Amino acid sequence: MINKYIGILSFEYIRGLVEGEGCFTFDKRTTKYKKSIKIEKIPTFVIQMHERDRELLRKLRNTLGLPNSIYILGPYRKDGINRGRMAKLIVRDYISLKDKIIPLFYKKLHGYKAKQFMEWLENIGNSDVLYPYRNLYKLYKSGFFDENIHLCP
C-alpha cells in the first residue's frame, strides 16, 4: 500500500526550514506617471536553497497548497568561486500571504526570524506598500491572526 502522506511536511519542519533559509522581505514595483516615478513595495516571502533541494521546496509548496512556481537561478556572483544553482520559491500574492504564510508563522517563530517576521508585519502598514497589501497590516492590528491562530497548528 502506498502511503498517501509521502511528500507532506509537518508545519514544524517547514518553520525550521524557514528559520534557516527563509526571508520576509519586500519586492519593489515601479510605476511611471507623466513626469514622476512611483515605487511601491509588495510584501514577499522567499525561501531559497541549493537546486539539489528543489524537491524539498516542491513538498513545502504542495503541503501549503501554494500555486507558486519554483525557479532555478544560476549563481549570482561572478567572483570565480564555483557556486551551485539555486531553487527559489517566491510568494507575494495577497491570498497566499493572508491565508497561509502569515498564519503559519505568526507567533510561532523563534530568535532573529521571529523579530524579522514581526518587523515585516509592521512594515506592511507603511504608505509605500501597495494598497491592497496594507490590509494585511490592518488584519494584524485588529487581532485577526490572534483570533485565528488555532487554524494553523
Protein backbone atom coordinates (compact mmCIF):
# COMPACT_ATOMS: atom_id res chain seq x y z
CA MET A 1 0.00 0.00 0.00
CA ILE A 2 1.31 3.44 -0.91
CA ASN A 3 1.42 5.99 1.90
CA LYS A 4 -0.69 8.94 0.73
CA TYR A 5 1.24 11.25 3.09
CA ILE A 6 4.59 10.83 1.37
CA GLY A 7 5.69 14.31 0.43
CA ILE A 8 3.71 16.07 3.14
CA LEU A 9 5.88 18.07 5.53
CA SER A 10 4.89 18.94 9.07
CA PHE A 11 4.32 22.61 9.86
CA GLU A 12 7.08 22.40 12.48
CA TYR A 13 9.51 21.12 9.85
CA ILE A 14 8.53 23.94 7.48
CA ARG A 15 9.05 26.53 10.22
CA GLY A 16 12.50 25.08 10.89
CA LEU A 17 13.43 25.32 7.22
CA VAL A 18 12.23 28.90 7.08
CA GLU A 19 14.12 29.89 10.23
CA GLY A 20 17.31 28.82 8.43
CA GLU A 21 16.62 29.51 4.76
CA GLY A 22 13.57 31.81 4.54
CA CYS A 23 13.15 35.55 4.32
CA PHE A 24 10.31 38.02 4.85
CA THR A 25 11.01 40.97 2.59
CA PHE A 26 9.53 43.38 0.04
CA ASP A 27 9.69 43.45 -3.76
CA LYS A 28 9.55 46.82 -5.46
CA ARG A 29 7.22 47.77 -8.28
CA THR A 30 7.99 50.91 -10.25
CA THR A 31 5.16 52.79 -11.92
CA LYS A 32 5.80 55.72 -14.24
CA TYR A 33 3.34 58.58 -14.31
CA LYS A 34 3.62 61.62 -16.58
CA LYS A 35 6.83 63.04 -15.16
CA SER A 36 7.23 61.11 -11.95
CA ILE A 37 8.12 57.62 -10.87
CA LYS A 38 6.29 55.91 -8.03
CA ILE A 39 7.93 53.00 -6.23
CA GLU A 40 5.62 50.72 -4.27
CA LYS A 41 6.54 47.72 -2.16
CA ILE A 42 4.92 44.28 -2.23
CA PRO A 43 5.26 42.04 0.86
CA THR A 44 7.11 38.89 -0.16
CA PHE A 45 8.02 35.57 1.43
CA VAL A 46 11.06 33.85 -0.10
CA ILE A 47 12.81 30.58 0.61
CA GLN A 48 15.90 29.67 -1.39
CA MET A 49 18.07 26.54 -1.31
CA HIS A 50 20.62 24.77 -3.49
CA GLU A 51 18.96 23.23 -6.55
CA ARG A 52 19.57 19.73 -5.16
CA ASP A 53 16.82 20.61 -2.63
CA ARG A 54 14.27 21.54 -5.29
CA GLU A 55 12.11 18.55 -4.36
CA LEU A 56 12.06 19.73 -0.74
CA LEU A 57 10.75 23.12 -1.91
CA ARG A 58 8.11 21.32 -4.00
CA LYS A 59 6.99 19.41 -0.92
CA LEU A 60 6.84 22.65 1.07
CA ARG A 61 4.81 24.34 -1.67
CA ASN A 62 2.45 21.38 -2.02
CA THR A 63 1.99 20.95 1.74
CA LEU A 64 0.90 24.59 2.00
CA GLY A 65 -1.20 24.41 -1.17
CA LEU A 66 0.64 27.32 -2.79
CA PRO A 67 0.14 27.96 -6.52
CA ASN A 68 3.62 29.44 -7.00
CA SER A 69 6.34 28.13 -9.29
CA ILE A 70 9.80 27.16 -8.10
CA TYR A 71 12.50 28.98 -10.03
CA ILE A 72 16.00 27.71 -10.73
CA LEU A 73 18.53 30.53 -10.77
CA GLY A 74 22.17 30.47 -11.77
CA PRO A 75 24.95 31.62 -9.47
CA TYR A 76 24.59 35.36 -9.00
CA ARG A 77 28.18 36.18 -8.07
CA LYS A 78 30.91 36.22 -10.66
CA ASP A 79 33.89 36.08 -8.30
CA GLY A 80 35.45 32.87 -9.64
CA ILE A 81 34.10 30.63 -6.89
CA ASN A 82 32.15 27.65 -8.19
CA ARG A 83 28.67 28.09 -6.72
CA GLY A 84 25.69 25.90 -7.44
CA ARG A 85 22.38 26.93 -8.93
CA MET A 86 19.61 27.85 -6.52
CA ALA A 87 15.96 26.79 -6.27
CA LYS A 88 13.73 29.64 -5.11
CA LEU A 89 10.08 29.82 -4.01
CA ILE A 90 8.61 33.33 -4.00
CA VAL A 91 5.18 34.07 -2.50
CA ARG A 92 3.71 37.54 -2.90
CA ASP A 93 0.05 37.06 -3.80
CA TYR A 94 -2.33 38.54 -1.25
CA ILE A 95 -4.46 35.42 -0.65
CA SER A 96 -1.49 33.11 -0.03
CA LEU A 97 0.10 35.61 2.34
CA LYS A 98 -3.17 36.16 4.24
CA ASP A 99 -4.44 32.58 4.40
CA LYS A 100 -1.25 30.52 4.51
CA ILE A 101 2.04 32.32 5.14
CA ILE A 102 1.12 34.72 7.95
CA PRO A 103 -1.00 32.19 9.93
CA LEU A 104 1.76 29.56 9.62
CA PHE A 105 4.43 31.80 11.13
CA TYR A 106 2.50 34.26 13.32
CA LYS A 107 3.82 33.91 16.90
CA LYS A 108 5.40 30.56 16.01
CA LEU A 109 8.98 31.51 15.09
CA HIS A 110 11.95 31.93 17.43
CA GLY A 111 15.10 34.02 17.57
CA TYR A 112 16.00 36.53 14.89
CA LYS A 113 13.49 35.14 12.37
CA ALA A 114 10.63 35.92 14.79
CA LYS A 115 11.90 39.50 15.06
CA GLN A 116 12.26 39.77 11.26
CA PHE A 117 8.73 38.44 10.76
CA MET A 118 7.15 40.88 13.24
CA GLU A 119 9.06 43.83 11.74
CA TRP A 120 7.87 42.71 8.29
CA LEU A 121 4.25 42.69 9.51
CA GLU A 122 4.68 46.17 10.99
CA ASN A 123 6.28 47.50 7.78
CA ILE A 124 3.37 46.21 5.68
CA GLY A 125 1.41 49.12 7.14
CA ASN A 126 3.74 51.74 5.61
CA SER A 127 2.34 54.11 3.00
CA ASP A 128 4.81 52.93 0.32
CA VAL A 129 3.31 49.41 0.39
CA LEU A 130 0.91 48.65 -2.45
CA TYR A 131 -2.62 49.39 -1.20
CA PRO A 132 -4.37 46.00 -1.05
CA TYR A 133 -1.46 44.53 0.92
CA ARG A 134 -1.81 47.17 3.64
CA ASN A 135 -5.00 45.32 4.62
CA LEU A 136 -2.72 42.56 5.97
CA TYR A 137 -1.39 45.10 8.46
CA LYS A 138 -4.92 46.13 9.41
CA LEU A 139 -5.87 42.47 9.97
CA TYR A 140 -2.77 42.01 12.11
CA LYS A 141 -3.51 45.11 14.21
CA SER A 142 -7.19 44.18 14.59
CA GLY A 143 -6.24 40.84 16.17
CA PHE A 144 -7.42 38.71 13.23
CA PHE A 145 -4.33 36.48 13.30
CA ASP A 146 -4.53 36.17 17.11
CA GLU A 147 -8.16 35.05 16.89
CA ASN A 148 -7.37 32.53 14.14
CA ILE A 149 -4.04 31.28 15.50
CA HIS A 150 -5.59 27.83 16.07
CA LEU A 151 -6.25 27.37 12.32
CA CYS A 152 -2.59 26.62 11.63
CA PRO A 153 -1.02 24.39 14.31
